Amino acid sequence: MYFVHPTTSECFILHLILTIVLSATSFEHFWTIDDTKHLTFQAAYRALGLLQDDIKWDTCMHETCID
């Protein structure tokens, strides 16, 4: 398996998708989740429920700084 640095976000997300979606035959397969075509691999990965945002951590840090 090849190493992809996380700072190359779209390549890194594609690398992660390739390890999860084993039956893909084209890039269209990666971009289409539940009959919805996404514009980026990151959006498709988020639609799969595999990528979360940092809202919880941002809220916690904000509350800590206020107190």
C-alpha atoms as a PDB file:
ATOM      1  CA  MET A   1       0.000   0.000   0.000  1.00  0.00           C
ATOM      2  CA  TYR A   2       1.262   3.485  -0.867  1.00  0.00           C
ATOM      3  CA  PHE A   3       1.570   6.349   1.608  1.00  0.00           C
ATOM      4  CA  VAL A   4      -0.416   9.523   0.926  1.00  0.00           C
ATOM      5  CA  HIS A   5       0.249  12.542   3.123  1.00  0.00           C
ATOM      6  CA  PRO A   6      -2.892  13.965   4.812  1.00  0.00           C
ATOM      7  CA  THR A   7      -2.080  17.518   3.692  1.00  0.00           C
ATOM      8  CA  THR A   8      -2.976  16.537   0.126  1.00  0.00           C
ATOM      9  CA  SER A   9      -6.610  16.378   1.151  1.00  0.00           C
ATOM     10  CA  GLU A  10      -8.377  15.110  -2.000  1.00  0.00           C
ATOM     11  CA  CYS A  11      -5.672  12.501  -2.694  1.00  0.00           C
ATOM     12  CA  PHE A  12      -5.726  11.414   0.940  1.00  0.00           C
ATOM     13  CA  ILE A  13      -9.529  11.081   0.952  1.00  0.00           C
ATOM     14  CA  LEU A  14      -9.400   9.119  -2.321  1.00  0.00           C
ATOM     15  CA  HIS A  15      -6.820   6.821  -0.718  1.00  0.00           C
ATOM     16  CA  LEU A  16      -9.190   6.244   2.223  1.00  0.00           C
ATOM     17  CA  ILE A  17     -12.144   5.600  -0.083  1.00  0.00           C
ATOM     18  CA  LEU A  18     -10.091   3.068  -2.050  1.00  0.00           C
ATOM     19  CA  THR A  19      -9.524   1.083   1.146  1.00  0.00           C
ATOM     20  CA  ILE A  20     -13.257   1.016   1.933  1.00  0.00           C
ATOM     21  CA  VAL A  21     -15.098   0.781  -1.396  1.00  0.00           C
ATOM     22  CA  LEU A  22     -13.743  -2.400  -2.916  1.00  0.00           C
ATOM     23  CA  SER A  23     -16.109  -2.907  -5.861  1.00  0.00           C
ATOM     24  CA  ALA A  24     -15.634   0.447  -7.601  1.00  0.00           C
ATOM     25  CA  THR A  25     -15.080   0.418 -11.348  1.00  0.00           C
ATOM     26  CA  SER A  26     -14.777   4.166 -12.010  1.00  0.00           C
ATOM     27  CA  PHE A  27     -14.407   7.532 -10.300  1.00  0.00           C
ATOM     28  CA  GLU A  28     -18.139   8.086 -10.828  1.00  0.00           C
ATOM     29  CA  HIS A  29     -18.714   5.209  -8.416  1.00  0.00           C
ATOM     30  CA  PHE A  30     -16.726   7.020  -5.706  1.00  0.00           C
ATOM     31  CA  TRP A  31     -18.537  10.323  -6.227  1.00  0.00           C
ATOM     32  CA  THR A  32     -22.045   8.817  -6.235  1.00  0.00           C
ATOM     33  CA  ILE A  33     -23.450   7.936  -2.818  1.00  0.00           C
ATOM     34  CA  ASP A  34     -27.123   6.931  -2.520  1.00  0.00           C
ATOM     35  CA  ASP A  35     -27.843   8.192  -6.080  1.00  0.00           C
ATOM     36  CA  THR A  36     -26.401  11.623  -5.215  1.00  0.00           C
ATOM     37  CA  LYS A  37     -23.356  12.747  -7.180  1.00  0.00           C
ATOM     38  CA  HIS A  38     -20.927  14.718  -5.031  1.00  0.00           C
ATOM     39  CA  LEU A  39     -18.424  17.206  -6.431  1.00  0.00           C
ATOM     40  CA  THR A  40     -15.430  16.118  -4.337  1.00  0.00           C
ATOM     41  CA  PHE A  41     -14.120  12.962  -2.765  1.00  0.00           C
ATOM     42  CA  GLN A  42     -14.307  14.683   0.611  1.00  0.00           C
ATOM     43  CA  ALA A  43     -18.036  15.355   0.164  1.00  0.00           C
ATOM     44  CA  ALA A  44     -18.609  11.724  -0.828  1.00  0.00           C
ATOM     45  CA  TYR A  45     -16.571  10.501   2.142  1.00  0.00           C
ATOM     46  CA  ARG A  46     -18.621  12.737   4.443  1.00  0.00           C
ATOM     47  CA  ALA A  47     -21.844  11.349   2.876  1.00  0.00           C
ATOM     48  CA  LEU A  48     -20.662   7.842   3.731  1.00  0.00           C
ATOM     49  CA  GLY A  49     -20.536   8.990   7.352  1.00  0.00           C
ATOM     50  CA  LEU A  50     -16.803   8.401   7.595  1.00  0.00           C
ATOM     51  CA  LEU A  51     -15.648  12.000   7.997  1.00  0.00           C
ATOM     52  CA  GLN A  52     -16.681  14.188  10.878  1.00  0.00           C
ATOM     53  CA  ASP A  53     -16.173  17.881  11.405  1.00  0.00           C
ATOM     54  CA  ASP A  54     -14.544  19.669  14.335  1.00  0.00           C
ATOM     55  CA  ILE A  55     -17.624  21.531  15.592  1.00  0.00           C
ATOM     56  CA  LYS A  56     -17.643  19.599  18.876  1.00  0.00           C
ATOM     57  CA  TRP A  57     -13.979  20.445  19.527  1.00  0.00           C
ATOM     58  CA  ASP A  58     -14.389  24.082  18.474  1.00  0.00           C
ATOM     59  CA  THR A  59     -17.345  24.509  20.837  1.00  0.00           C
ATOM     60  CA  CYS A  60     -15.430  22.932  23.721  1.00  0.00           C
ATOM     61  CA  MET A  61     -12.401  25.189  23.165  1.00  0.00           C
ATOM     62  CA  HIS A  62     -14.607  28.266  22.855  1.00  0.00           C
ATOM     63  CA  GLU A  63     -16.436  27.465  26.098  1.00  0.00           C
ATOM     64  CA  THR A  64     -13.129  26.887  27.879  1.00  0.00           C
ATOM     65  CA  CYS A  65     -11.740  30.236  26.729  1.00  0.00           C
ATOM     66  CA  ILE A  66     -14.853  32.101  27.885  1.00  0.00           C
ATOM     67  CA  ASP A  67     -14.788  30.705  31.443  1.00  0.00           C
END
